[in-house]
Amino acid sequence: MIDKKDITGIILSGGKSSRMGTDKGFLMYEGKRFVEYSIEALKPLVSNVTIVSDNEDYDVFGLKRIEDIIKNAGPLAGIYSGLKHTSTVYGLVLSCDIPLINSKVLEKLIDAIDSDSEVIQIESQGKNMPLIALYKKSCEPIFLKLLNQGERRLQFAVNQCKVKHVLLTSEDELFTKNINTPEQLKAIIK
């Protein structure tokens, strides 16, 4: 397995959260903020964790926080910003709205590293999950070029790279559920 010193954890917390109506990273689930679950899942697997957000409230976690280099350009710009600010070979990217995520699921991405793949992303319930993915630093100039051309679609950008998919078992699919609406939040609270 690759050494964790070669991987930076990158948490994307810059979304507008229009469907939720509040910053999703600070939503509570079982006594912790959503973003804390992302931090805990990443920490055992990476050398450091960076939060990509323009919101200074994230400084409370004592982690490196960077702002989007290209504003209002969605998760593609967030991943680009995270990769630009890392010196490691890989960035392990997570969005802040996946409170059930765990290190075991993320480890599957690291275990899938090979010499060819530039992006290794989870595939769960028939969907590609580019916000639970491992990105090689070599994606950075590809993403910058696309952003400069006005491209905002993350999956389109990912498809310009050499992509590998890690298919989850049905037991693990629950851990990749992202929460975008108050209804989805109510559904996971027991």
Protein backbone atom coordinates (compact mmCIF):
# COMPACT_ATOMS: atom_id res chain seq x y z
CA MET A 1 0.00 0.00 0.00
CA ILE A 2 1.18 3.55 -0.76
CA ASP A 3 2.55 5.51 2.20
CA LYS A 4 0.21 8.03 3.77
CA LYS A 5 2.91 10.71 3.48
CA ASP A 6 2.10 10.68 -0.26
CA ILE A 7 -1.60 11.49 0.27
CA THR A 8 -3.32 14.70 1.39
CA GLY A 9 -6.93 14.61 2.53
CA ILE A 10 -9.01 17.28 0.77
CA ILE A 11 -12.46 18.09 2.15
CA LEU A 12 -14.72 20.17 -0.07
CA SER A 13 -16.86 22.47 2.07
CA GLY A 14 -17.51 25.30 -0.32
CA GLY A 15 -20.93 24.47 -1.69
CA LYS A 16 -23.85 26.86 -1.62
CA SER A 17 -26.07 24.28 0.15
CA SER A 18 -29.11 25.79 -1.57
CA ARG A 19 -31.29 22.70 -1.04
CA MET A 20 -30.35 22.39 2.63
CA GLY A 21 -30.49 26.11 3.37
CA THR A 22 -27.41 26.03 5.63
CA ASP A 23 -23.72 25.05 5.44
CA LYS A 24 -23.89 21.24 5.31
CA GLY A 25 -20.48 20.76 6.94
CA PHE A 26 -21.87 22.14 10.20
CA LEU A 27 -25.04 20.03 10.28
CA MET A 28 -25.20 17.74 13.30
CA TYR A 29 -25.53 13.97 13.20
CA GLU A 30 -25.23 11.89 16.37
CA GLY A 31 -23.50 14.69 18.28
CA LYS A 32 -20.91 15.63 15.66
CA ARG A 33 -20.77 17.99 12.73
CA PHE A 34 -20.86 16.40 9.26
CA VAL A 35 -17.36 17.65 8.44
CA GLU A 36 -15.96 15.93 11.54
CA TYR A 37 -16.94 12.55 10.06
CA SER A 38 -14.96 13.39 6.91
CA ILE A 39 -11.96 14.47 9.00
CA GLU A 40 -12.07 11.29 11.11
CA ALA A 41 -12.37 9.02 8.05
CA LEU A 42 -9.40 10.69 6.32
CA LYS A 43 -6.95 11.16 9.20
CA PRO A 44 -5.67 7.55 9.52
CA LEU A 45 -4.97 7.39 5.77
CA VAL A 46 -3.32 10.73 4.93
CA SER A 47 -0.38 12.90 5.97
CA ASN A 48 -2.57 15.98 6.50
CA VAL A 49 -6.08 17.26 5.89
CA THR A 50 -6.97 20.46 4.03
CA ILE A 51 -10.44 22.00 3.98
CA VAL A 52 -11.39 23.90 0.82
CA SER A 53 -13.85 26.60 1.87
CA ASP A 54 -14.21 30.36 1.85
CA ASN A 55 -15.99 30.06 5.22
CA GLU A 56 -13.62 31.03 8.06
CA ASP A 57 -15.81 29.10 10.55
CA TYR A 58 -13.96 25.95 9.42
CA ASP A 59 -10.80 27.30 11.10
CA VAL A 60 -12.24 25.98 14.39
CA PHE A 61 -10.99 22.49 13.41
CA GLY A 62 -7.34 23.60 13.44
CA LEU A 63 -6.67 22.29 9.93
CA LYS A 64 -5.24 24.04 6.91
CA ARG A 65 -8.07 25.86 5.14
CA ILE A 66 -7.72 27.21 1.64
CA GLU A 67 -10.14 29.23 -0.42
CA ASP A 68 -11.22 28.43 -3.96
CA ILE A 69 -8.72 29.87 -6.43
CA ILE A 70 -11.49 30.16 -9.04
CA LYS A 71 -14.70 31.37 -7.37
CA ASN A 72 -18.23 30.06 -7.98
CA ALA A 73 -17.06 27.20 -10.19
CA GLY A 74 -18.33 24.26 -8.15
CA PRO A 75 -16.52 21.14 -6.94
CA LEU A 76 -14.21 21.05 -9.96
CA ALA A 77 -12.65 24.32 -8.76
CA GLY A 78 -12.53 22.98 -5.20
CA ILE A 79 -10.60 19.88 -6.25
CA TYR A 80 -8.30 21.97 -8.44
CA SER A 81 -7.62 24.33 -5.50
CA GLY A 82 -6.92 21.40 -3.17
CA LEU A 83 -4.52 19.76 -5.62
CA LYS A 84 -2.79 23.08 -6.34
CA HIS A 85 -2.05 23.53 -2.61
CA THR A 86 -0.72 20.04 -1.97
CA SER A 87 2.78 18.74 -2.48
CA THR A 88 1.78 15.07 -2.20
CA VAL A 89 1.34 12.69 -5.14
CA TYR A 90 -2.36 12.15 -4.36
CA GLY A 91 -5.33 14.06 -2.98
CA LEU A 92 -8.02 11.95 -1.31
CA VAL A 93 -11.14 14.04 -1.92
CA LEU A 94 -14.35 13.98 0.11
CA SER A 95 -17.29 16.32 0.16
CA CYS A 96 -18.40 17.45 3.62
CA ASP A 97 -21.93 16.05 3.29
CA ILE A 98 -21.24 12.31 3.74
CA PRO A 99 -21.66 11.77 7.49
CA LEU A 100 -21.68 7.95 7.31
CA ILE A 101 -18.29 7.72 5.54
CA ASN A 102 -15.52 5.68 7.15
CA SER A 103 -11.83 4.89 6.65
CA LYS A 104 -12.59 1.34 5.47
CA VAL A 105 -14.40 2.63 2.36
CA LEU A 106 -11.64 5.18 1.63
CA GLU A 107 -8.96 2.51 2.04
CA LYS A 108 -10.47 0.69 -0.97
CA LEU A 109 -9.46 3.68 -3.11
CA ILE A 110 -5.88 3.57 -1.84
CA ASP A 111 -5.71 -0.20 -2.33
CA ALA A 112 -6.75 0.32 -5.98
CA ILE A 113 -3.75 2.58 -6.81
CA ASP A 114 -1.87 1.45 -9.89
CA SER A 115 0.69 3.05 -12.21
CA ASP A 116 -1.87 4.20 -14.82
CA SER A 117 -4.92 5.65 -13.05
CA GLU A 118 -5.11 9.39 -12.43
CA VAL A 119 -8.54 9.29 -10.76
CA ILE A 120 -9.83 6.40 -8.69
CA GLN A 121 -13.46 6.94 -7.75
CA ILE A 122 -16.10 5.02 -5.86
CA GLU A 123 -18.97 3.53 -7.81
CA SER A 124 -22.01 2.97 -5.63
CA GLN A 125 -25.56 2.00 -6.61
CA GLY A 126 -24.65 2.38 -10.28
CA LYS A 127 -23.37 5.96 -9.81
CA ASN A 128 -19.85 7.35 -10.13
CA MET A 129 -18.84 9.32 -7.05
CA PRO A 130 -16.14 11.83 -7.98
CA LEU A 131 -16.52 13.41 -4.52
CA ILE A 132 -15.29 10.20 -2.89
CA ALA A 133 -12.18 9.76 -4.98
CA LEU A 134 -8.41 9.72 -5.13
CA TYR A 135 -6.90 12.26 -7.52
CA LYS A 136 -3.32 12.25 -8.74
CA LYS A 137 -1.64 15.66 -8.62
CA SER A 138 -1.16 15.36 -12.39
CA CYS A 139 -4.91 16.16 -12.78
CA GLU A 140 -4.27 19.73 -11.61
CA PRO A 141 -3.23 21.24 -15.00
CA ILE A 142 -6.01 19.33 -16.80
CA PHE A 143 -8.61 20.77 -14.43
CA LEU A 144 -7.16 24.30 -14.65
CA LYS A 145 -7.31 24.22 -18.44
CA LEU A 146 -10.96 23.11 -18.35
CA LEU A 147 -11.88 25.73 -15.74
CA ASN A 148 -10.22 28.43 -17.85
CA GLN A 149 -12.37 27.25 -20.78
CA GLY A 150 -15.50 27.73 -18.65
CA GLU A 151 -16.06 24.03 -17.91
CA ARG A 152 -17.80 23.38 -14.58
CA ARG A 153 -18.97 19.76 -14.88
CA LEU A 154 -16.89 17.62 -12.56
CA GLN A 155 -17.70 14.28 -14.19
CA PHE A 156 -16.75 15.71 -17.60
CA ALA A 157 -13.39 16.81 -16.17
CA VAL A 158 -12.81 13.45 -14.49
CA ASN A 159 -13.46 11.73 -17.81
CA GLN A 160 -10.54 13.65 -19.36
CA CYS A 161 -8.25 11.66 -17.05
CA LYS A 162 -7.42 7.95 -16.79
CA VAL A 163 -10.19 6.76 -14.47
CA LYS A 164 -10.55 3.60 -12.42
CA HIS A 165 -13.75 2.65 -10.59
CA VAL A 166 -13.96 0.90 -7.24
CA LEU A 167 -17.27 -0.91 -7.02
CA LEU A 168 -18.70 -1.09 -3.52
CA THR A 169 -20.53 -4.06 -2.10
CA SER A 170 -24.17 -3.47 -1.21
CA GLU A 171 -23.22 -3.46 2.51
CA ASP A 172 -20.81 -0.56 1.96
CA GLU A 173 -23.12 1.57 -0.20
CA LEU A 174 -24.82 3.09 2.86
CA PHE A 175 -21.54 4.76 3.87
CA THR A 176 -21.40 6.86 0.70
CA LYS A 177 -24.82 8.51 1.03
CA ASN A 178 -24.56 12.26 0.68
CA ILE A 179 -27.13 14.40 2.44
CA ASN A 180 -28.47 17.34 0.42
CA THR A 181 -31.94 18.04 1.80
CA PRO A 182 -33.65 18.20 5.21
CA GLU A 183 -35.64 15.11 4.18
CA GLN A 184 -32.47 13.10 3.51
CA LEU A 185 -31.11 14.18 6.90
CA LYS A 186 -34.29 13.01 8.65
CA ALA A 187 -34.03 9.67 6.84
CA ILE A 188 -30.63 8.82 8.41
CA ILE A 189 -31.56 9.93 11.93
CA LYS A 190 -32.85 6.92 13.76
